[in-house]
Amino acid sequence: MSAEEIQVLGWVLALSVCGLSVSWLILLMEAFFHDKRIGFACVFGGFGAALAMGISEKISHGMLMVLAVFNLALIGLFAFKNFRKPLVYIPLFVLVISVVALIWVWRKIDLAGLLP
């Protein structure tokens, strides 16, 4: 893998993570302001996972997985109910594009043998 290819993968990775983070934050804030239950569950779930990281690594990884699935289910429910709003379907589109780009970068790095 040449230096130019690694640089392109780095840019795709950086842009995908930025797009993923911003779209997730927009969806979370949209859910928070339109349905308080979903917003509070996601915020307190993240707070609980951060608190568990300070206690035990094994507990925190299991808790993060459970909370990630729970948060994705809640945000998915919110997105399904409000899909016709532009503040919901545009971040969902960016989220899907970012995930596809991240999978592509992961596979390219894995095929190059750069992952341990």
C-alpha atoms as a PDB file:
ATOM      1  CA  MET A   1       0.000   0.000   0.000  1.00  0.00           C
ATOM      2  CA  SER A   2       1.493   3.305  -1.069  1.00  0.00           C
ATOM      3  CA  ALA A   3       1.684   6.499   0.962  1.00  0.00           C
ATOM      4  CA  GLU A   4      -0.970   8.129  -1.216  1.00  0.00           C
ATOM      5  CA  GLU A   5      -3.416   5.282  -0.599  1.00  0.00           C
ATOM      6  CA  ILE A   6      -2.835   5.498   3.141  1.00  0.00           C
ATOM      7  CA  GLN A   7      -3.412   9.257   3.004  1.00  0.00           C
ATOM      8  CA  VAL A   8      -6.678   8.775   1.082  1.00  0.00           C
ATOM      9  CA  LEU A   9      -7.815   6.168   3.601  1.00  0.00           C
ATOM     10  CA  GLY A  10      -6.938   8.567   6.419  1.00  0.00           C
ATOM     11  CA  TRP A  11      -9.030  11.335   4.859  1.00  0.00           C
ATOM     12  CA  VAL A  12     -11.966   9.003   4.241  1.00  0.00           C
ATOM     13  CA  LEU A  13     -11.696   7.756   7.813  1.00  0.00           C
ATOM     14  CA  ALA A  14     -11.569  11.288   9.242  1.00  0.00           C
ATOM     15  CA  LEU A  15     -14.494  12.543   7.144  1.00  0.00           C
ATOM     16  CA  SER A  16     -16.563   9.445   7.909  1.00  0.00           C
ATOM     17  CA  VAL A  17     -16.027   9.754  11.650  1.00  0.00           C
ATOM     18  CA  CYS A  18     -16.932  13.463  11.501  1.00  0.00           C
ATOM     19  CA  GLY A  19     -20.059  12.746   9.457  1.00  0.00           C
ATOM     20  CA  LEU A  20     -21.031   9.902  11.767  1.00  0.00           C
ATOM     21  CA  SER A  21     -20.524  12.001  14.905  1.00  0.00           C
ATOM     22  CA  VAL A  22     -22.394  15.047  13.627  1.00  0.00           C
ATOM     23  CA  SER A  23     -25.323  13.060  12.246  1.00  0.00           C
ATOM     24  CA  TRP A  24     -25.600  11.019  15.460  1.00  0.00           C
ATOM     25  CA  LEU A  25     -25.532  14.220  17.523  1.00  0.00           C
ATOM     26  CA  ILE A  26     -28.221  15.821  15.350  1.00  0.00           C
ATOM     27  CA  LEU A  27     -30.433  12.740  15.662  1.00  0.00           C
ATOM     28  CA  LEU A  28     -29.855  12.618  19.414  1.00  0.00           C
ATOM     29  CA  MET A  29     -30.676  16.296  19.886  1.00  0.00           C
ATOM     30  CA  GLU A  30     -33.706  16.023  17.608  1.00  0.00           C
ATOM     31  CA  ALA A  31     -34.935  13.065  19.646  1.00  0.00           C
ATOM     32  CA  PHE A  32     -34.202  14.923  22.873  1.00  0.00           C
ATOM     33  CA  PHE A  33     -36.230  17.982  21.884  1.00  0.00           C
ATOM     34  CA  HIS A  34     -39.146  16.069  20.372  1.00  0.00           C
ATOM     35  CA  ASP A  35     -39.403  13.054  22.642  1.00  0.00           C
ATOM     36  CA  LYS A  36     -37.828  13.648  26.045  1.00  0.00           C
ATOM     37  CA  ARG A  37     -37.903   9.958  27.013  1.00  0.00           C
ATOM     38  CA  ILE A  38     -35.594   8.928  24.175  1.00  0.00           C
ATOM     39  CA  GLY A  39     -33.216  11.818  24.735  1.00  0.00           C
ATOM     40  CA  PHE A  40     -32.943  11.223  28.471  1.00  0.00           C
ATOM     41  CA  ALA A  41     -32.458   7.480  27.991  1.00  0.00           C
ATOM     42  CA  CYS A  42     -29.594   8.073  25.555  1.00  0.00           C
ATOM     43  CA  VAL A  43     -27.940  10.768  27.670  1.00  0.00           C
ATOM     44  CA  PHE A  44     -28.183   8.821  30.927  1.00  0.00           C
ATOM     45  CA  GLY A  45     -27.108   5.640  29.147  1.00  0.00           C
ATOM     46  CA  GLY A  46     -23.925   7.347  27.992  1.00  0.00           C
ATOM     47  CA  PHE A  47     -23.373   8.771  31.471  1.00  0.00           C
ATOM     48  CA  GLY A  48     -23.842   5.341  33.029  1.00  0.00           C
ATOM     49  CA  ALA A  49     -21.364   3.781  30.603  1.00  0.00           C
ATOM     50  CA  ALA A  50     -18.794   6.492  31.338  1.00  0.00           C
ATOM     51  CA  LEU A  51     -19.263   5.912  35.056  1.00  0.00           C
ATOM     52  CA  ALA A  52     -18.814   2.150  34.595  1.00  0.00           C
ATOM     53  CA  MET A  53     -15.516   2.728  32.786  1.00  0.00           C
ATOM     54  CA  GLY A  54     -14.112   4.192  35.972  1.00  0.00           C
ATOM     55  CA  ILE A  55     -15.150   1.138  37.969  1.00  0.00           C
ATOM     56  CA  SER A  56     -14.250  -1.897  35.868  1.00  0.00           C
ATOM     57  CA  GLU A  57     -13.154  -2.484  32.301  1.00  0.00           C
ATOM     58  CA  LYS A  58     -15.042  -5.778  31.894  1.00  0.00           C
ATOM     59  CA  ILE A  59     -18.273  -4.316  33.260  1.00  0.00           C
ATOM     60  CA  SER A  60     -17.944  -1.205  31.146  1.00  0.00           C
ATOM     61  CA  HIS A  61     -17.471  -3.111  27.856  1.00  0.00           C
ATOM     62  CA  GLY A  62     -20.525  -5.254  28.486  1.00  0.00           C
ATOM     63  CA  MET A  63     -22.511  -2.239  29.615  1.00  0.00           C
ATOM     64  CA  LEU A  64     -21.425  -0.239  26.558  1.00  0.00           C
ATOM     65  CA  MET A  65     -22.608  -2.998  24.231  1.00  0.00           C
ATOM     66  CA  VAL A  66     -25.986  -3.249  25.941  1.00  0.00           C
ATOM     67  CA  LEU A  67     -26.386   0.539  25.976  1.00  0.00           C
ATOM     68  CA  ALA A  68     -25.324   0.857  22.348  1.00  0.00           C
ATOM     69  CA  VAL A  69     -27.974  -1.645  21.269  1.00  0.00           C
ATOM     70  CA  PHE A  70     -30.563   0.084  23.478  1.00  0.00           C
ATOM     71  CA  ASN A  71     -29.653   3.549  22.146  1.00  0.00           C
ATOM     72  CA  LEU A  72     -29.724   2.334  18.546  1.00  0.00           C
ATOM     73  CA  ALA A  73     -33.150   0.802  19.108  1.00  0.00           C
ATOM     74  CA  LEU A  74     -34.496   4.026  20.622  1.00  0.00           C
ATOM     75  CA  ILE A  75     -33.031   6.246  17.918  1.00  0.00           C
ATOM     76  CA  GLY A  76     -34.270   3.786  15.283  1.00  0.00           C
ATOM     77  CA  LEU A  77     -37.766   3.980  16.755  1.00  0.00           C
ATOM     78  CA  PHE A  78     -37.617   7.777  16.747  1.00  0.00           C
ATOM     79  CA  ALA A  79     -36.301   7.838  13.158  1.00  0.00           C
ATOM     80  CA  PHE A  80     -39.021   5.435  12.012  1.00  0.00           C
ATOM     81  CA  LYS A  81     -41.753   7.592  13.573  1.00  0.00           C
ATOM     82  CA  ASN A  82     -40.362  10.910  12.213  1.00  0.00           C
ATOM     83  CA  PHE A  83     -38.776   9.805   8.932  1.00  0.00           C
ATOM     84  CA  ARG A  84     -40.571  12.419   6.807  1.00  0.00           C
ATOM     85  CA  LYS A  85     -38.858  15.357   8.540  1.00  0.00           C
ATOM     86  CA  PRO A  86     -35.672  16.668   6.856  1.00  0.00           C
ATOM     87  CA  LEU A  87     -33.958  16.973  10.241  1.00  0.00           C
ATOM     88  CA  VAL A  88     -34.296  13.203  10.552  1.00  0.00           C
ATOM     89  CA  TYR A  89     -33.798  11.724   7.089  1.00  0.00           C
ATOM     90  CA  ILE A  90     -30.778  13.867   6.127  1.00  0.00           C
ATOM     91  CA  PRO A  91     -28.712  12.803   9.197  1.00  0.00           C
ATOM     92  CA  LEU A  92     -29.831   9.202   8.637  1.00  0.00           C
ATOM     93  CA  PHE A  93     -28.574   9.385   5.057  1.00  0.00           C
ATOM     94  CA  VAL A  94     -25.225  10.822   6.224  1.00  0.00           C
ATOM     95  CA  LEU A  95     -25.061   8.150   8.934  1.00  0.00           C
ATOM     96  CA  VAL A  96     -25.530   5.334   6.414  1.00  0.00           C
ATOM     97  CA  ILE A  97     -22.957   6.830   3.998  1.00  0.00           C
ATOM     98  CA  SER A  98     -20.451   7.226   6.863  1.00  0.00           C
ATOM     99  CA  VAL A  99     -20.919   3.647   8.051  1.00  0.00           C
ATOM    100  CA  VAL A 100     -20.447   2.309   4.512  1.00  0.00           C
ATOM    101  CA  ALA A 101     -17.274   4.390   4.118  1.00  0.00           C
ATOM    102  CA  LEU A 102     -15.938   3.164   7.474  1.00  0.00           C
ATOM    103  CA  ILE A 103     -16.574  -0.455   6.493  1.00  0.00           C
ATOM    104  CA  TRP A 104     -14.766   0.165   3.199  1.00  0.00           C
ATOM    105  CA  VAL A 105     -11.745   1.684   4.988  1.00  0.00           C
ATOM    106  CA  TRP A 106     -11.695  -1.163   7.507  1.00  0.00           C
ATOM    107  CA  ARG A 107     -11.688  -3.770   4.748  1.00  0.00           C
ATOM    108  CA  LYS A 108      -8.942  -1.988   2.787  1.00  0.00           C
ATOM    109  CA  ILE A 109      -6.736  -1.742   5.883  1.00  0.00           C
ATOM    110  CA  ASP A 110      -7.460  -5.364   6.769  1.00  0.00           C
ATOM    111  CA  LEU A 111      -6.634  -6.593   3.245  1.00  0.00           C
ATOM    112  CA  ALA A 112      -3.387  -4.610   3.332  1.00  0.00           C
ATOM    113  CA  GLY A 113      -2.407  -6.466   6.503  1.00  0.00           C
ATOM    114  CA  LEU A 114      -2.095  -3.346   8.642  1.00  0.00           C
ATOM    115  CA  LEU A 115      -4.444  -4.557  11.364  1.00  0.00           C
ATOM    116  CA  PRO A 116      -2.982  -6.642  14.179  1.00  0.00           C
END
